[in-house]
PDB file of N, CA and C in Angstrom:
ATOM      1  N   MET A   1     128.074 -46.543 105.925  1.00  0.00           N
ATOM      2  CA  MET A   1     129.165 -45.744 106.442  1.00  0.00           C
ATOM      3  C   MET A   1     128.770 -44.275 106.376  1.00  0.00           C
ATOM      4  N   ALA A   2     129.050 -43.549 107.424  1.00  0.00           N
ATOM      5  CA  ALA A   2     128.739 -42.122 107.469  1.00  0.00           C
ATOM      6  C   ALA A   2     129.687 -41.349 106.568  1.00  0.00           C
ATOM      7  N   GLU A   3     129.151 -40.329 105.967  1.00  0.00           N
ATOM      8  CA  GLU A   3     129.944 -39.477 105.081  1.00  0.00           C
ATOM      9  C   GLU A   3     130.693 -38.447 105.923  1.00  0.00           C
ATOM     10  N   PHE A   4     131.972 -38.248 105.663  1.00  0.00           N
ATOM     11  CA  PHE A   4     132.784 -37.269 106.379  1.00  0.00           C
ATOM     12  C   PHE A   4     132.475 -35.879 105.860  1.00  0.00           C
ATOM     13  N   GLU A   5     132.193 -34.968 106.761  1.00  0.00           N
ATOM     14  CA  GLU A   5     131.951 -33.567 106.413  1.00  0.00           C
ATOM     15  C   GLU A   5     132.896 -32.708 107.235  1.00  0.00           C
ATOM     16  N   PRO A   6     133.786 -31.953 106.604  1.00  0.00           N
ATOM     17  CA  PRO A   6     134.690 -31.078 107.353  1.00  0.00           C
ATOM     18  C   PRO A   6     133.918 -30.052 108.180  1.00  0.00           C
ATOM     19  N   LEU A   7     134.524 -29.615 109.280  1.00  0.00           N
ATOM     20  CA  LEU A   7     133.901 -28.582 110.105  1.00  0.00           C
ATOM     21  C   LEU A   7     133.670 -27.316 109.291  1.00  0.00           C
ATOM     22  N   GLY A   8     132.600 -26.624 109.566  1.00  0.00           N
ATOM     23  CA  GLY A   8     132.318 -25.370 108.878  1.00  0.00           C
ATOM     24  C   GLY A   8     131.741 -25.547 107.492  1.00  0.00           C
ATOM     25  N   SER A   9     131.264 -26.738 107.186  1.00  0.00           N
ATOM     26  CA  SER A   9     130.737 -26.975 105.845  1.00  0.00           C
ATOM     27  C   SER A   9     129.289 -27.446 105.916  1.00  0.00           C
ATOM     28  N   ALA A  10     128.514 -26.835 106.787  1.00  0.00           N
ATOM     29  CA  ALA A  10     127.129 -27.258 106.992  1.00  0.00           C
ATOM     30  C   ALA A  10     126.292 -27.060 105.732  1.00  0.00           C
ATOM     31  N   TRP A  11     125.458 -28.036 105.448  1.00  0.00           N
ATOM     32  CA  TRP A  11     124.522 -27.942 104.334  1.00  0.00           C
ATOM     33  C   TRP A  11     123.313 -27.140 104.790  1.00  0.00           C
ATOM     34  N   ARG A  12     122.788 -26.293 103.898  1.00  0.00           N
ATOM     35  CA  ARG A  12     121.597 -25.496 104.191  1.00  0.00           C
ATOM     36  C   ARG A  12     120.497 -25.897 103.228  1.00  0.00           C
ATOM     37  N   LYS A  13     119.337 -26.181 103.774  1.00  0.00           N
ATOM     38  CA  LYS A  13     118.187 -26.579 102.969  1.00  0.00           C
ATOM     39  C   LYS A  13     117.521 -25.338 102.393  1.00  0.00           C
ATOM     40  N   SER A  14     117.114 -25.426 101.151  1.00  0.00           N
ATOM     41  CA  SER A  14     116.422 -24.316 100.515  1.00  0.00           C
ATOM     42  C   SER A  14     115.127 -23.999 101.249  1.00  0.00           C
ATOM     43  N   THR A  15     114.828 -22.730 101.402  1.00  0.00           N
ATOM     44  CA  THR A  15     113.573 -22.332 102.037  1.00  0.00           C
ATOM     45  C   THR A  15     112.377 -22.667 101.150  1.00  0.00           C
ATOM     46  N   LYS A  16     112.609 -22.933  99.877  1.00  0.00           N
ATOM     47  CA  LYS A  16     111.543 -23.299  98.941  1.00  0.00           C
ATOM     48  C   LYS A  16     111.292 -24.798  98.914  1.00  0.00           C
ATOM     49  N   SER A  17     112.100 -25.583  99.624  1.00  0.00           N
ATOM     50  CA  SER A  17     111.940 -27.038  99.638  1.00  0.00           C
ATOM     51  C   SER A  17     110.787 -27.436 100.550  1.00  0.00           C
ATOM     52  N   ALA A  18     110.096 -28.487 100.151  1.00  0.00           N
ATOM     53  CA  ALA A  18     109.040 -29.065 100.989  1.00  0.00           C
ATOM     54  C   ALA A  18     109.658 -30.209 101.796  1.00  0.00           C
ATOM     55  N   ASP A  19     108.806 -31.044 102.384  1.00  0.00           N
ATOM     56  CA  ASP A  19     109.320 -32.180 103.147  1.00  0.00           C
ATOM     57  C   ASP A  19     110.048 -33.177 102.253  1.00  0.00           C
ATOM     58  N   VAL A  20     109.683 -33.207 100.995  1.00  0.00           N
ATOM     59  CA  VAL A  20     110.380 -34.038 100.008  1.00  0.00           C
ATOM     60  C   VAL A  20     110.936 -33.104  98.943  1.00  0.00           C
ATOM     61  N   ASN A  21     111.734 -33.621  98.047  1.00  0.00           N
ATOM     62  CA  ASN A  21     112.316 -32.804  96.972  1.00  0.00           C
ATOM     63  C   ASN A  21     113.153 -31.654  97.525  1.00  0.00           C
ATOM     64  N   CYS A  22     114.009 -31.956  98.484  1.00  0.00           N
ATOM     65  CA  CYS A  22     114.821 -30.927  99.131  1.00  0.00           C
ATOM     66  C   CYS A  22     116.131 -30.676  98.396  1.00  0.00           C
ATOM     67  N   VAL A  23     116.424 -29.422  98.187  1.00  0.00           N
ATOM     68  CA  VAL A  23     117.703 -29.000  97.626  1.00  0.00           C
ATOM     69  C   VAL A  23     118.510 -28.409  98.771  1.00  0.00           C
ATOM     70  N   GLU A  24     119.768 -28.824  98.872  1.00  0.00           N
ATOM     71  CA  GLU A  24     120.656 -28.312  99.905  1.00  0.00           C
ATOM     72  C   GLU A  24     121.892 -27.723  99.243  1.00  0.00           C
ATOM     73  N   ALA A  25     122.466 -26.722  99.877  1.00  0.00           N
ATOM     74  CA  ALA A  25     123.674 -26.092  99.341  1.00  0.00           C
ATOM     75  C   ALA A  25     124.619 -25.756 100.484  1.00  0.00           C
ATOM     76  N   ARG A  26     125.889 -25.650 100.146  1.00  0.00           N
ATOM     77  CA  ARG A  26     126.894 -25.191 101.104  1.00  0.00           C
ATOM     78  C   ARG A  26     127.996 -24.483 100.338  1.00  0.00           C
ATOM     79  N   HIS A  27     128.671 -23.578 101.029  1.00  0.00           N
ATOM     80  CA  HIS A  27     129.765 -22.830 100.412  1.00  0.00           C
ATOM     81  C   HIS A  27     131.067 -23.239 101.060  1.00  0.00           C
ATOM     82  N   ARG A  28     131.964 -23.736 100.259  1.00  0.00           N
ATOM     83  CA  ARG A  28     133.324 -24.060 100.691  1.00  0.00           C
ATOM     84  C   ARG A  28     134.233 -23.337  99.705  1.00  0.00           C
ATOM     85  N   ASP A  29     135.160 -24.031  99.085  1.00  0.00           N
ATOM     86  CA  ASP A  29     135.958 -23.403  98.027  1.00  0.00           C
ATOM     87  C   ASP A  29     135.069 -23.082  96.835  1.00  0.00           C
ATOM     88  N   GLU A  30     134.047 -23.905  96.641  1.00  0.00           N
ATOM     89  CA  GLU A  30     133.046 -23.711  95.602  1.00  0.00           C
ATOM     90  C   GLU A  30     131.679 -23.815  96.273  1.00  0.00           C
ATOM     91  N   VAL A  31     130.640 -23.509  95.529  1.00  0.00           N
ATOM     92  CA  VAL A  31     129.288 -23.728  96.027  1.00  0.00           C
ATOM     93  C   VAL A  31     128.879 -25.122  95.577  1.00  0.00           C
ATOM     94  N   GLU A  32     128.478 -25.951  96.528  1.00  0.00           N
ATOM     95  CA  GLU A  32     128.034 -27.303  96.214  1.00  0.00           C
ATOM     96  C   GLU A  32     126.527 -27.385  96.426  1.00  0.00           C
ATOM     97  N   VAL A  33     125.856 -28.104  95.535  1.00  0.00           N
ATOM     98  CA  VAL A  33     124.411 -28.278  95.590  1.00  0.00           C
ATOM     99  C   VAL A  33     124.128 -29.768  95.498  1.00  0.00           C
ATOM    100  N   ARG A  34     123.151 -30.239  96.287  1.00  0.00           N
ATOM    101  CA  ARG A  34     122.801 -31.658  96.246  1.00  0.00           C
ATOM    102  C   ARG A  34     121.313 -31.852  96.519  1.00  0.00           C
ATOM    103  N   ASP A  35     120.844 -33.031  96.190  1.00  0.00           N
ATOM    104  CA  ASP A  35     119.497 -33.484  96.513  1.00  0.00           C
ATOM    105  C   ASP A  35     119.598 -34.195  97.855  1.00  0.00           C
ATOM    106  N   SER A  36     118.795 -33.828  98.823  1.00  0.00           N
ATOM    107  CA  SER A  36     118.902 -34.430 100.158  1.00  0.00           C
ATOM    108  C   SER A  36     118.624 -35.927 100.155  1.00  0.00           C
ATOM    109  N   LYS A  37     117.916 -36.417  99.136  1.00  0.00           N
ATOM    110  CA  LYS A  37     117.643 -37.849  99.056  1.00  0.00           C
ATOM    111  C   LYS A  37     118.811 -38.616  98.449  1.00  0.00           C
ATOM    112  N   ALA A  38     119.743 -37.932  97.829  1.00  0.00           N
ATOM    113  CA  ALA A  38     120.929 -38.552  97.218  1.00  0.00           C
ATOM    114  C   ALA A  38     122.146 -37.718  97.594  1.00  0.00           C
ATOM    115  N   PRO A  39     122.512 -37.671  98.884  1.00  0.00           N
ATOM    116  CA  PRO A  39     123.532 -36.737  99.355  1.00  0.00           C
ATOM    117  C   PRO A  39     124.947 -36.978  98.842  1.00  0.00           C
ATOM    118  N   VAL A  40     125.220 -38.149  98.301  1.00  0.00           N
ATOM    119  CA  VAL A  40     126.572 -38.418  97.806  1.00  0.00           C
ATOM    120  C   VAL A  40     126.819 -37.702  96.474  1.00  0.00           C
ATOM    121  N   SER A  41     125.774 -37.552  95.669  1.00  0.00           N
ATOM    122  CA  SER A  41     125.902 -36.869  94.371  1.00  0.00           C
ATOM    123  C   SER A  41     125.789 -35.367  94.576  1.00  0.00           C
ATOM    124  N   ARG A  42     126.747 -34.626  94.015  1.00  0.00           N
ATOM    125  CA  ARG A  42     126.773 -33.171  94.184  1.00  0.00           C
ATOM    126  C   ARG A  42     127.141 -32.490  92.875  1.00  0.00           C
ATOM    127  N   LEU A  43     126.706 -31.268  92.754  1.00  0.00           N
ATOM    128  CA  LEU A  43     127.161 -30.390  91.679  1.00  0.00           C
ATOM    129  C   LEU A  43     127.965 -29.281  92.337  1.00  0.00           C
ATOM    130  N   ALA A  44     129.078 -28.905  91.740  1.00  0.00           N
ATOM    131  CA  ALA A  44     129.919 -27.837  92.290  1.00  0.00           C
ATOM    132  C   ALA A  44     130.018 -26.705  91.277  1.00  0.00           C
ATOM    133  N   PHE A  45     129.916 -25.479  91.771  1.00  0.00           N
ATOM    134  CA  PHE A  45     129.962 -24.285  90.936  1.00  0.00           C
ATOM    135  C   PHE A  45     130.963 -23.299  91.519  1.00  0.00           C
ATOM    136  N   GLY A  46     131.694 -22.629  90.665  1.00  0.00           N
ATOM    137  CA  GLY A  46     132.565 -21.551  91.104  1.00  0.00           C
ATOM    138  C   GLY A  46     131.720 -20.373  91.561  1.00  0.00           C
ATOM    139  N   ALA A  47     132.315 -19.492  92.352  1.00  0.00           N
ATOM    140  CA  ALA A  47     131.580 -18.351  92.905  1.00  0.00           C
ATOM    141  C   ALA A  47     130.974 -17.468  91.815  1.00  0.00           C
ATOM    142  N   ARG A  48     131.709 -17.227  90.755  1.00  0.00           N
ATOM    143  CA  ARG A  48     131.200 -16.374  89.671  1.00  0.00           C
ATOM    144  C   ARG A  48     130.004 -17.030  88.976  1.00  0.00           C
ATOM    145  N   SER A  49     130.110 -18.319  88.689  1.00  0.00           N
ATOM    146  CA  SER A  49     129.002 -19.039  88.046  1.00  0.00           C
ATOM    147  C   SER A  49     127.768 -19.060  88.932  1.00  0.00           C
ATOM    148  N   TRP A  50     127.964 -19.310  90.222  1.00  0.00           N
ATOM    149  CA  TRP A  50     126.836 -19.342  91.158  1.00  0.00           C
ATOM    150  C   TRP A  50     126.184 -17.965  91.251  1.00  0.00           C
ATOM    151  N   GLY A  51     126.991 -16.917  91.314  1.00  0.00           N
ATOM    152  CA  GLY A  51     126.455 -15.562  91.350  1.00  0.00           C
ATOM    153  C   GLY A  51     125.657 -15.231  90.101  1.00  0.00           C
ATOM    154  N   SER A  52     126.140 -15.675  88.947  1.00  0.00           N
ATOM    155  CA  SER A  52     125.409 -15.458  87.691  1.00  0.00           C
ATOM    156  C   SER A  52     124.071 -16.184  87.707  1.00  0.00           C
ATOM    157  N   PHE A  53     124.062 -17.407  88.230  1.00  0.00           N
ATOM    158  CA  PHE A  53     122.819 -18.173  88.346  1.00  0.00           C
ATOM    159  C   PHE A  53     121.823 -17.441  89.243  1.00  0.00           C
ATOM    160  N   LEU A  54     122.279 -16.993  90.403  1.00  0.00           N
ATOM    161  CA  LEU A  54     121.390 -16.283  91.321  1.00  0.00           C
ATOM    162  C   LEU A  54     120.846 -15.011  90.688  1.00  0.00           C
ATOM    163  N   HIS A  55     121.699 -14.281  89.999  1.00  0.00           N
ATOM    164  CA  HIS A  55     121.262 -13.050  89.329  1.00  0.00           C
ATOM    165  C   HIS A  55     120.208 -13.359  88.260  1.00  0.00           C
ATOM    166  N   ALA A  56     120.457 -14.393  87.462  1.00  0.00           N
ATOM    167  CA  ALA A  56     119.542 -14.746  86.373  1.00  0.00           C
ATOM    168  C   ALA A  56     118.188 -15.225  86.892  1.00  0.00           C
ATOM    169  N   THR A  57     118.160 -15.805  88.083  1.00  0.00           N
ATOM    170  CA  THR A  57     116.903 -16.306  88.639  1.00  0.00           C
ATOM    171  C   THR A  57     116.250 -15.320  89.602  1.00  0.00           C
ATOM    172  N   GLY A  58     116.857 -14.133  89.746  1.00  0.00           N
ATOM    173  CA  GLY A  58     116.278 -13.106  90.600  1.00  0.00           C
ATOM    174  C   GLY A  58     116.441 -13.371  92.080  1.00  0.00           C
ATOM    175  N   ARG A  59     117.453 -14.148  92.436  1.00  0.00           N
ATOM    176  CA  ARG A  59     117.715 -14.483  93.840  1.00  0.00           C
ATOM    177  C   ARG A  59     118.903 -13.669  94.336  1.00  0.00           C
ATOM    178  N   SER A  60     119.161 -13.753  95.631  1.00  0.00           N
ATOM    179  CA  SER A  60     120.358 -13.126  96.191  1.00  0.00           C
ATOM    180  C   SER A  60     121.202 -14.195  96.856  1.00  0.00           C
ATOM    181  N   ALA A  61     122.442 -13.875  97.130  1.00  0.00           N
ATOM    182  CA  ALA A  61     123.355 -14.835  97.751  1.00  0.00           C
ATOM    183  C   ALA A  61     123.119 -14.955  99.245  1.00  0.00           C
ATOM    184  N   ASN A  62     122.296 -14.123  99.835  1.00  0.00           N
ATOM    185  CA  ASN A  62     122.070 -14.164 101.295  1.00  0.00           C
ATOM    186  C   ASN A  62     120.821 -14.900 101.643  1.00  0.00           C
TER     187      ASN A  62
END
C-alpha cells in the first residue's frame, strides 16, 4: 500500500547521501528525518531542537 503524503510535504535527500544510505528530511509542523530504505520509520524534531543540531554540526538550515 502506498504511503499517504500531504501536499507540500516533499522529502529532500541529503546532498551528502550516496546511492545507498540516504537520509531524507522534510519540514512540516516539525522537522522529520528518515532513512530512504525504511521510509515508514521517522524521527521528528521541533524547530528549536533541529536548529540546535544544525548549529552544533556546523550546518545551516538552507
